[in-house]
Structure formats: structure tokens, C-alpha cells
Amino acid sequence: MDGMVFSVELLDREGGEIRASLFNEAAEQHYDLMQCGRCFTLCNGSVRPAQKKYSVLKHGYELVFDGRCQTHMVDDDTDIGAVRLAVQKIASVTQMAVPSSVDICGVIVSAEHPQEFQTKEGKALVKREITVADDSGHSVLITLWGDRARLDSREFAGSPVVALKGVQVKEWMSCRSGSMAEAGSMILNPTFLPEAQRVAAWWYKGGNQQRLTYISHSSSPAGSLRPPQRATSVEISAMSQQAMPLYYMACLELKDGGSLQCNRRVDETGYCRMCQKSGKAGLRAIILRLCSCAAQVGPLLNVRCRFQDAFGSCWVTVFHPAAEKVLGSTAESIVELSQQSEEICEEALKDTYYDEMLELQLRAKPDTWGGEAKTNVTCVGAQRISSREHSRMLLKEINNQGNISAMHTDR
């Protein structure tokens, strides 16, 4: 017989949040009883480490209930809020470690029509893409699934304020977008939230006329509801000449005590969501270090380079430490040059162009982008070779080709 389980997110009057899962007999007995927004007492549960891939909460543990579970509905406690959000500005999403979970409160500036499709396994799905902006002047594409995507389109009309809890942020081609996790929450027009009041005031006091910085790419077909953004040729030229950052600040903690580093992007305070540790300097870091909670933080290179050989050229993403070999410099040195000025850093890197031959180790894997099959090529290793060694290699190949031709001639 197949098992049965359902999960709830519990919030207490101190603002603490924890996930609870009810299995088999407990799930069958208490599913209809438990209602969102009501107060309950739960007894006879056990505690286990949280399974992060199933939860959007930051708590390190979760509750588990079986057939011994007892739940009782009690009177509402006004000291317990309906939802707890750790809202972050959309502008800060570009600096987060990915994949990660974030809470967002903003204005829905556009919404697509719902799209129905089937997976390769034949499962029917429906999604809707919305664009959300906040008072940081940035906007992001967020995908809604299932019942949220099926909501009447009029719910998204008129630029309503929305609070989103548990948005899963991912990155593709240096652009970021979000997807609403099934365990997350979406609240339209949450007037009880101070963040919603602030965003609404910004929007109607001039935010709706502001030029927004869009951090996502849309995979939707033509005919969507998102209005096109116009730009002059000068603006387009300026955007095309903007250089991508050469590095990012990353968590250098070892995974599970092994030899591999975390390498996830940390936020502006040095906090790693994956390791749940902070590398922030100062008194707080000293305290965290004493309790073994401080993370090692350092710069990692992630650059986009164009390589050329005798047959042509191609663009390849080069990640640390191969990038250090390609650029002929350490990440710390590049950070120091960048802090002086972008011009100084650029001039220093130009000295390495066409300097020496490089032997690259490339990794290619099938991927998809915009619904089309693509090949994702990255550089995982690089080694500089001298002109002398390269010449010897070419002479050896010429000699081998000559021997092969002689053999064919003899035949």
C-alpha cells in the first residue's frame, strides 16, 4: 500500500517557523482538520534535521508526526501573525548565492496568459509568468505553477501588490529568475504588511514611471502581455559595452568536512544560505567563529572569454581556478586592481591577451534555453604552454602526418 503524507508550516507567537510532516494514519486523520490561518496544538511528534529541498523555511529542523499524533484547534491568538516574511529587495537577488530561496514583496507590472503543456513523462502542467518590481528599481520574472497559475487574469490586472514567500531563484546566462515553490505562499494585496504599504506608496508616487532594471530573460512566446521596452541606439550601445563582473564573493567552506568547497555566492553581509553561516567581519564574526558558525569567504573568478585558434573563435565561460591560469593572475590581485579602478584592471588584463598559447579542458553538456536545445560549454581547466613547446608539438604532428603519407604511398 502506498504511503500518505502532507506537510504544513507552523508559526508561533515568537515569530519562529518550522515545517511539520504528518505521515500515513496521522495524515489521513488530520488533513481535513488543519486549516490555514487557524491555531492548533500538536502533540507526540519527533524532531529530525530539515530536508531543505522540500522546505523554504530557514529552520534547521522539522517535526514529524505518525499515528500517535494529536491535534486540537484552539482559539485564535492575535499575537501570532498570518505569515512571516523576510523580504529582500529584488536588486539584492543579483548578489545571492544560487540556487536559493527568497521572500519578495513588490508590484505585479505584467502577467502572461497561463500556459498548459506536458512533460516528457506525460504529466500535464500549467504555468504563468509574472514580472514583479519593487522600490529598488529592479524587476524579476517569477513563474507560478498549478492553482496559482490558474487564477483569474483579473487578479493580476491593475498592478496589484503581491507578497511571495519561498521564491526559488536560479541563474542562466548571467540572468536570474524565480519560481514559486509548492511549499511557498502568495498573498495578493497584503495591506497588513509594512513592506506592501511601502512598495505601494513608491509605485503610485512615481515608481510606475521609473525605468526598471530587468534581471531576467523570458522564455514565453510572442504575444505575451509584457509591454516591450524601447531604447535608443545610444542606450543599446552602452548596454552592449557593459562589462560583466570578473569575480564574486563566495563561501569557501568545505562540504561535509570533505575536500570540495561550497563556492556559493554570499550576500552583501557575507552570509551563505547553503551553509547557513556568515563571514561578516567585526564583533559578530568573532562570536560566530567561537561557536564554529563563521564561514570562510573569498573571491572566485567567473569570466566570459573569447578564445581563438586556427579555425575560428568561440566564447566560453571560465570558472575559478582555470580563470586564474587564463588571466595569469590570482583572484585577490584582480580584486585589488578592480578596487583601484576598472581602467587599471582592464589595462593589466590586456597585457595577457595573445601572450601565450593555452591548452584548455572544456566540458560540454546538453541543455535547454528558451525551449530550444543548446550545448553548454565551460572551461574546467587551463594550462599555459610556451611557444617552443607548441612548435615542437606542431613539428611532431607534421612528422607523423608525413610518415602516414609515406605509408600510403608505399601501398
Protein backbone atom coordinates (compact mmCIF):
# COMPACT_ATOMS: atom_id res chain seq x y z
CA MET A 1 0.00 0.00 0.00
CA ASP A 2 1.35 3.42 -0.90
CA GLY A 3 2.21 5.80 1.93
CA MET A 4 0.48 9.10 2.59
CA VAL A 5 1.99 12.39 3.76
CA PHE A 6 1.13 16.08 3.91
CA SER A 7 3.14 18.98 5.30
CA VAL A 8 2.30 22.27 7.00
CA GLU A 9 4.33 25.30 8.02
CA LEU A 10 3.84 26.35 11.63
CA LEU A 11 4.31 29.88 13.01
CA ASP A 12 4.32 30.70 16.75
CA ARG A 13 3.90 33.96 18.63
CA GLU A 14 7.70 34.48 18.90
CA GLY A 15 7.91 34.52 15.12
CA GLY A 16 9.53 31.10 14.84
CA GLU A 17 8.73 28.95 11.80
CA ILE A 18 9.09 25.21 11.38
CA ARG A 19 7.85 22.62 8.91
CA ALA A 20 5.77 19.68 10.14
CA SER A 21 5.02 16.49 8.16
CA LEU A 22 2.21 14.09 9.01
CA PHE A 23 2.53 10.53 7.69
CA ASN A 24 0.05 7.77 6.90
CA GLU A 25 -2.55 7.47 9.70
CA ALA A 26 -1.79 10.96 11.00
CA ALA A 27 -2.16 12.43 7.52
CA GLU A 28 -5.49 10.67 6.98
CA GLN A 29 -6.93 11.73 10.33
CA HIS A 30 -5.80 15.35 10.49
CA TYR A 31 -5.70 16.59 6.88
CA ASP A 32 -9.29 17.87 6.86
CA LEU A 33 -8.97 19.31 10.36
CA MET A 34 -5.96 21.54 9.86
CA GLN A 35 -6.82 24.82 8.16
CA CYS A 36 -4.53 27.59 7.02
CA GLY A 37 -4.67 30.64 9.31
CA ARG A 38 -6.11 28.78 12.35
CA CYS A 39 -4.36 27.98 15.64
CA PHE A 40 -3.61 24.42 16.73
CA THR A 41 -1.72 22.46 19.34
CA LEU A 42 0.18 19.37 18.13
CA CYS A 43 1.46 16.59 20.39
CA ASN A 44 3.54 13.38 20.19
CA GLY A 45 5.86 14.40 17.38
CA SER A 46 9.56 13.85 16.81
CA VAL A 47 12.35 16.09 15.54
CA ARG A 48 14.72 15.47 12.64
CA PRO A 49 17.10 17.58 10.52
CA ALA A 50 15.24 19.62 7.92
CA GLN A 51 15.20 18.37 4.33
CA LYS A 52 15.98 21.67 2.61
CA LYS A 53 14.93 20.57 -0.87
CA TYR A 54 11.34 20.21 0.36
CA SER A 55 11.15 23.34 2.53
CA VAL A 56 11.51 27.08 2.02
CA LEU A 57 11.99 27.75 5.74
CA LYS A 58 15.37 28.50 7.25
CA HIS A 59 14.89 26.35 10.37
CA GLY A 60 17.50 23.63 10.68
CA TYR A 61 15.00 21.04 11.92
CA GLU A 62 11.47 19.86 11.20
CA LEU A 63 8.70 17.99 13.03
CA VAL A 64 7.41 14.53 12.11
CA PHE A 65 4.12 13.02 13.29
CA ASP A 66 2.78 9.47 12.97
CA GLY A 67 -0.34 7.68 14.21
CA ARG A 68 0.22 8.88 17.79
CA CYS A 69 -0.26 12.49 16.67
CA GLN A 70 -2.87 14.57 18.49
CA THR A 71 -4.05 17.91 17.13
CA HIS A 72 -6.52 20.29 18.73
CA MET A 73 -7.92 23.50 17.27
CA VAL A 74 -7.73 26.37 19.80
CA ASP A 75 -8.90 29.96 19.87
CA ASP A 76 -7.09 32.36 17.59
CA ASP A 77 -4.09 34.11 19.13
CA THR A 78 -3.81 37.67 17.86
CA ASP A 79 -0.10 37.69 18.75
CA ILE A 80 0.54 35.11 16.01
CA GLY A 81 0.77 36.62 12.55
CA ALA A 82 -0.74 35.08 9.43
CA VAL A 83 2.61 34.83 7.71
CA ARG A 84 6.22 35.75 8.38
CA LEU A 85 8.27 37.21 5.57
CA ALA A 86 11.97 38.01 5.45
CA VAL A 87 11.51 40.37 2.49
CA GLN A 88 14.57 41.23 0.44
CA LYS A 89 14.92 43.80 -2.32
CA ILE A 90 14.93 42.48 -5.87
CA ALA A 91 18.19 44.35 -6.51
CA SER A 92 19.90 42.12 -3.91
CA VAL A 93 18.83 38.97 -5.79
CA THR A 94 21.65 39.55 -8.28
CA GLN A 95 24.21 39.11 -5.48
CA MET A 96 22.73 36.00 -3.86
CA ALA A 97 24.12 32.52 -3.97
CA VAL A 98 22.08 30.40 -6.36
CA PRO A 99 20.03 28.34 -6.17
CA SER A 100 18.43 29.92 -3.11
CA SER A 101 15.06 30.80 -1.60
CA VAL A 102 13.94 34.39 -1.05
CA ASP A 103 10.84 36.32 0.06
CA ILE A 104 9.78 39.20 -2.20
CA CYS A 105 7.19 41.93 -1.88
CA GLY A 106 6.53 44.01 -4.98
CA VAL A 107 4.13 45.20 -7.64
CA ILE A 108 2.98 42.94 -10.48
CA VAL A 109 3.83 45.09 -13.50
CA SER A 110 2.83 42.46 -16.09
CA ALA A 111 1.43 38.94 -16.31
CA GLU A 112 1.41 36.33 -19.04
CA HIS A 113 -1.53 34.15 -20.00
CA PRO A 114 -1.41 30.70 -18.38
CA GLN A 115 0.32 28.04 -20.48
CA GLU A 116 -0.54 24.34 -20.41
CA PHE A 117 1.97 21.72 -21.52
CA GLN A 118 3.06 18.15 -20.88
CA THR A 119 6.35 16.86 -19.59
CA LYS A 120 8.27 14.09 -21.31
CA GLU A 121 6.64 11.69 -18.86
CA GLY A 122 3.19 12.85 -20.00
CA LYS A 123 2.34 14.82 -16.85
CA ALA A 124 0.11 17.83 -17.51
CA LEU A 125 1.37 21.13 -16.07
CA VAL A 126 0.25 24.74 -16.18
CA LYS A 127 2.35 27.81 -15.54
CA ARG A 128 2.04 31.58 -15.66
CA GLU A 129 4.90 34.08 -15.70
CA ILE A 130 4.60 37.39 -13.89
CA THR A 131 7.02 40.30 -13.63
CA VAL A 132 7.39 41.81 -10.17
CA ALA A 133 9.12 45.12 -9.36
CA ASP A 134 9.91 46.86 -6.08
CA ASP A 135 11.29 50.18 -4.84
CA SER A 136 14.88 49.08 -5.53
CA GLY A 137 14.14 49.93 -9.18
CA HIS A 138 14.59 46.31 -10.30
CA SER A 139 12.14 43.76 -11.68
CA VAL A 140 12.30 39.97 -11.92
CA LEU A 141 10.42 37.24 -13.77
CA ILE A 142 8.66 34.74 -11.48
CA THR A 143 6.93 31.57 -12.64
CA LEU A 144 3.73 30.46 -10.92
CA TRP A 145 2.59 26.83 -11.12
CA GLY A 146 -0.61 24.87 -10.65
CA ASP A 147 -3.54 26.56 -8.91
CA ARG A 148 -1.67 29.86 -8.61
CA ALA A 149 -1.19 29.94 -12.38
CA ARG A 150 -4.89 29.18 -12.93
CA LEU A 151 -6.11 32.24 -11.02
CA ASP A 152 -8.36 34.57 -12.97
CA SER A 153 -6.28 37.01 -15.02
CA ARG A 154 -8.23 39.86 -13.46
CA GLU A 155 -6.47 39.06 -10.17
CA PHE A 156 -3.20 40.24 -11.76
CA ALA A 157 -4.64 43.33 -13.51
CA GLY A 158 -4.16 46.88 -12.26
CA SER A 159 -0.63 46.39 -10.87
CA PRO A 160 -1.56 44.78 -7.52
CA VAL A 161 0.95 44.38 -4.72
CA VAL A 162 1.97 40.78 -4.08
CA ALA A 163 3.91 39.10 -1.28
CA LEU A 164 5.76 35.94 -2.30
CA LYS A 165 7.27 33.58 0.26
CA GLY A 166 9.69 30.89 -0.88
CA VAL A 167 10.66 32.07 -4.37
CA GLN A 168 13.30 29.72 -5.75
CA VAL A 169 15.96 31.78 -7.53
CA LYS A 170 18.04 30.26 -10.31
CA GLU A 171 20.55 31.66 -12.79
CA TRP A 172 21.01 31.13 -16.51
CA MET A 173 23.37 33.05 -18.79
CA SER A 174 24.09 35.59 -16.02
CA CYS A 175 20.36 36.39 -15.69
CA ARG A 176 18.18 35.40 -12.76
CA SER A 177 14.55 34.42 -12.45
CA GLY A 178 12.30 32.94 -9.81
CA SER A 179 9.88 30.07 -9.46
CA MET A 180 7.25 29.73 -6.76
CA ALA A 181 7.84 26.56 -4.78
CA GLU A 182 4.82 24.42 -3.97
CA ALA A 183 5.54 24.94 -0.27
CA GLY A 184 5.69 28.72 -0.71
CA SER A 185 2.93 31.28 -0.25
CA MET A 186 1.49 34.02 -2.45
CA ILE A 187 -0.65 36.81 -1.00
CA LEU A 188 -2.27 39.38 -3.27
CA ASN A 189 -2.81 42.87 -1.83
CA PRO A 190 -1.34 42.14 1.62
CA THR A 191 -2.24 45.52 3.11
CA PHE A 192 -1.32 44.32 6.61
CA LEU A 193 2.39 44.12 5.68
CA PRO A 194 4.52 47.26 6.15
CA GLU A 195 6.61 46.22 3.13
CA ALA A 196 3.49 46.13 0.97
CA GLN A 197 2.48 49.61 2.10
CA ARG A 198 5.96 50.94 1.30
CA VAL A 199 6.05 49.38 -2.17
CA ALA A 200 2.54 50.61 -3.00
CA ALA A 201 3.48 54.16 -1.97
CA TRP A 202 6.60 54.02 -4.15
CA TRP A 203 4.65 52.72 -7.16
CA TYR A 204 1.92 55.33 -7.10
CA LYS A 205 4.28 58.22 -6.30
CA GLY A 206 6.33 57.80 -9.45
CA GLY A 207 7.61 54.23 -9.47
CA ASN A 208 5.25 53.35 -12.32
CA GLN A 209 7.08 55.91 -14.48
CA GLN A 210 10.57 54.75 -13.48
CA ARG A 211 12.83 52.86 -15.89
CA LEU A 212 13.29 49.46 -14.25
CA THR A 213 16.33 47.21 -14.39
CA TYR A 214 15.11 43.80 -15.59
CA ILE A 215 17.28 40.95 -14.27
CA SER A 216 15.55 38.04 -16.06
CA HIS A 217 15.04 36.55 -19.50
CA SER A 218 11.58 35.39 -20.54
CA SER A 219 11.08 32.08 -22.31
CA SER A 220 7.50 32.93 -23.27
CA PRO A 221 6.42 33.11 -26.91
CA ALA A 222 5.43 36.29 -28.65
CA GLY A 223 2.03 37.70 -27.84
CA SER A 224 2.56 37.94 -24.07
CA LEU A 225 1.18 40.76 -22.00
CA ARG A 226 4.60 42.24 -21.15
CA PRO A 227 4.99 45.59 -22.93
CA PRO A 228 8.24 45.98 -24.90
CA GLN A 229 10.82 48.39 -23.51
CA ARG A 230 12.05 50.98 -26.00
CA ALA A 231 15.66 52.15 -26.06
CA THR A 232 17.71 54.43 -28.26
CA SER A 233 20.68 53.21 -30.27
CA VAL A 234 22.96 55.05 -27.84
CA GLU A 235 21.42 53.19 -24.87
CA ILE A 236 21.69 49.86 -26.65
CA SER A 237 25.35 50.52 -27.47
CA ALA A 238 26.04 51.43 -23.85
CA MET A 239 24.34 48.26 -22.58
CA SER A 240 26.27 46.07 -25.00
CA GLN A 241 29.55 47.56 -23.80
CA GLN A 242 28.89 46.94 -20.11
CA ALA A 243 31.43 44.50 -18.72
CA MET A 244 30.33 41.57 -16.59
CA PRO A 245 31.92 41.29 -13.13
CA LEU A 246 35.11 39.26 -13.19
CA TYR A 247 34.57 37.76 -9.76
CA TYR A 248 32.06 37.25 -6.98
CA MET A 249 32.41 36.75 -3.25
CA ALA A 250 31.88 33.09 -2.43
CA CYS A 251 31.66 30.78 0.56
CA LEU A 252 34.85 28.72 0.79
CA GLU A 253 33.60 26.31 3.45
CA LEU A 254 34.33 22.62 2.87
CA LYS A 255 31.25 20.48 2.18
CA ASP A 256 30.53 17.97 4.95
CA GLY A 257 34.13 18.07 6.07
CA GLY A 258 35.36 16.89 2.68
CA SER A 259 37.78 18.48 0.21
CA LEU A 260 35.24 20.29 -2.00
CA GLN A 261 34.36 23.91 -1.28
CA CYS A 262 30.82 25.27 -1.19
CA ASN A 263 31.61 28.05 -3.75
CA ARG A 264 28.09 29.51 -3.38
CA ARG A 265 27.66 33.26 -3.75
CA VAL A 266 27.29 35.07 -0.41
CA ASP A 267 25.19 38.17 0.14
CA GLU A 268 26.49 41.64 0.94
CA THR A 269 26.92 40.71 4.63
CA GLY A 270 28.95 37.60 3.83
CA TYR A 271 26.12 35.18 4.68
CA CYS A 272 25.93 31.84 2.85
CA ARG A 273 22.38 30.48 2.64
CA MET A 274 23.57 26.99 1.75
CA CYS A 275 25.90 26.62 4.76
CA GLN A 276 23.82 28.99 6.92
CA LYS A 277 26.99 30.70 8.07
CA SER A 278 28.21 34.27 7.97
CA GLY A 279 31.66 35.61 7.13
CA LYS A 280 30.82 39.19 8.10
CA ALA A 281 33.75 40.97 9.70
CA GLY A 282 33.62 42.55 13.15
CA LEU A 283 32.38 41.51 16.56
CA ARG A 284 29.60 39.32 15.14
CA ALA A 285 32.16 37.31 13.14
CA ILE A 286 34.27 36.77 16.28
CA ILE A 287 31.25 35.48 18.16
CA LEU A 288 30.26 33.21 15.26
CA ARG A 289 33.78 31.89 14.97
CA LEU A 290 33.83 30.96 18.66
CA CYS A 291 30.71 28.86 18.14
CA SER A 292 32.07 27.38 14.87
CA CYS A 293 29.47 29.16 12.73
CA ALA A 294 31.72 31.56 10.79
CA ALA A 295 32.17 30.92 7.09
CA GLN A 296 35.35 31.44 5.11
CA VAL A 297 34.63 33.95 2.37
CA GLY A 298 36.79 34.88 -0.60
CA PRO A 299 36.67 35.97 -4.24
CA LEU A 300 36.20 33.46 -7.06
CA LEU A 301 36.70 34.29 -10.73
CA ASN A 302 33.91 33.64 -13.23
CA VAL A 303 34.76 35.25 -16.57
CA ARG A 304 33.50 35.07 -20.13
CA CYS A 305 36.41 34.76 -22.57
CA ARG A 306 36.74 34.52 -26.32
CA PHE A 307 39.35 32.02 -27.47
CA GLN A 308 40.72 31.78 -30.99
CA ASP A 309 42.59 29.06 -32.83
CA ALA A 310 43.49 28.45 -36.47
CA PHE A 311 39.89 27.62 -37.36
CA GLY A 312 37.94 30.41 -35.66
CA SER A 313 36.88 31.76 -32.29
CA CYS A 314 34.30 30.97 -29.61
CA TRP A 315 33.03 32.35 -26.29
CA VAL A 316 33.48 30.12 -23.25
CA THR A 317 32.70 30.63 -19.56
CA VAL A 318 35.83 30.08 -17.46
CA PHE A 319 35.44 29.40 -13.76
CA HIS A 320 37.97 29.62 -10.98
CA PRO A 321 40.73 28.23 -10.81
CA ALA A 322 41.04 27.81 -14.60
CA ALA A 323 40.33 31.55 -14.90
CA GLU A 324 43.44 32.29 -12.85
CA LYS A 325 45.51 30.36 -15.39
CA VAL A 326 43.86 32.12 -18.33
CA LEU A 327 44.21 35.62 -16.87
CA GLY A 328 47.63 34.95 -15.42
CA SER A 329 46.61 36.45 -12.08
CA THR A 330 45.02 35.45 -8.79
CA ALA A 331 41.51 36.43 -7.79
CA GLU A 332 42.86 38.52 -4.91
CA SER A 333 45.08 40.51 -7.30
CA ILE A 334 42.16 41.19 -9.65
CA VAL A 335 40.01 42.33 -6.73
CA GLU A 336 42.76 44.72 -5.64
CA LEU A 337 43.09 46.14 -9.16
CA SER A 338 39.31 46.49 -9.53
CA GLN A 339 39.10 48.42 -6.28
CA GLN A 340 41.65 50.89 -7.60
CA SER A 341 39.70 51.45 -10.82
CA GLU A 342 38.13 49.43 -13.64
CA GLU A 343 40.52 51.07 -16.14
CA ILE A 344 43.62 49.91 -14.26
CA CYS A 345 42.26 46.36 -14.03
CA GLU A 346 41.39 46.30 -17.72
CA GLU A 347 44.82 47.54 -18.79
CA ALA A 348 46.51 44.92 -16.62
CA LEU A 349 44.42 42.14 -18.16
CA LYS A 350 45.04 43.37 -21.71
CA ASP A 351 48.74 42.56 -21.23
CA THR A 352 47.79 38.87 -21.12
CA TYR A 353 45.91 38.92 -24.45
CA TYR A 354 47.69 36.92 -27.19
CA ASP A 355 50.57 36.44 -24.74
CA GLU A 356 50.98 32.66 -24.64
CA MET A 357 49.30 29.61 -26.04
CA LEU A 358 46.67 27.98 -23.84
CA GLU A 359 45.67 24.36 -23.63
CA LEU A 360 42.05 24.25 -22.47
CA GLN A 361 39.99 21.47 -20.96
CA LEU A 362 36.37 22.06 -21.97
CA ARG A 363 33.23 20.40 -20.68
CA ALA A 364 30.14 20.33 -22.90
CA LYS A 365 26.73 19.09 -21.85
CA PRO A 366 23.27 19.27 -23.43
CA ASP A 367 20.99 21.93 -22.01
CA THR A 368 17.94 23.97 -22.92
CA TRP A 369 17.39 27.71 -23.18
CA GLY A 370 14.16 29.33 -24.27
CA GLY A 371 12.69 25.91 -25.03
CA GLU A 372 15.48 25.10 -27.50
CA ALA A 373 18.22 22.51 -27.14
CA LYS A 374 21.61 24.11 -26.57
CA THR A 375 25.09 22.93 -25.66
CA ASN A 376 26.54 24.45 -22.51
CA VAL A 377 30.33 24.69 -22.85
CA THR A 378 32.53 25.66 -19.88
CA CYS A 379 36.27 25.66 -19.29
CA VAL A 380 37.22 23.46 -16.34
CA GLY A 381 40.99 23.53 -16.80
CA ALA A 382 43.66 25.64 -18.47
CA GLN A 383 47.39 25.42 -18.86
CA ARG A 384 49.75 27.90 -20.45
CA ILE A 385 52.22 26.39 -22.93
CA SER A 386 55.27 28.14 -24.30
CA SER A 387 55.75 28.88 -27.98
CA ARG A 388 58.71 26.50 -28.03
CA GLU A 389 56.64 23.60 -26.69
CA HIS A 390 53.82 24.44 -29.07
CA SER A 391 56.21 24.49 -32.04
CA ARG A 392 57.61 21.12 -31.05
CA MET A 393 54.09 19.71 -30.83
CA LEU A 394 53.26 21.04 -34.32
CA LEU A 395 56.50 19.61 -35.78
CA LYS A 396 55.69 16.27 -34.21
CA GLU A 397 52.23 16.28 -35.78
CA ILE A 398 53.73 17.26 -39.17
CA ASN A 399 56.26 14.45 -38.88
CA ASN A 400 53.51 11.94 -38.00
CA GLN A 401 51.41 13.11 -40.94
CA GLY A 402 54.44 12.71 -43.21
CA ASN A 403 55.01 9.15 -42.03
CA ILE A 404 51.35 8.29 -42.64
CA SER A 405 51.54 9.72 -46.20
CA ALA A 406 54.67 7.70 -46.91
CA MET A 407 52.93 4.53 -45.79
CA HIS A 408 50.01 5.20 -48.14
CA THR A 409 52.43 5.86 -51.00
CA ASP A 410 54.24 2.56 -50.46
CA ARG A 411 50.94 0.76 -50.70
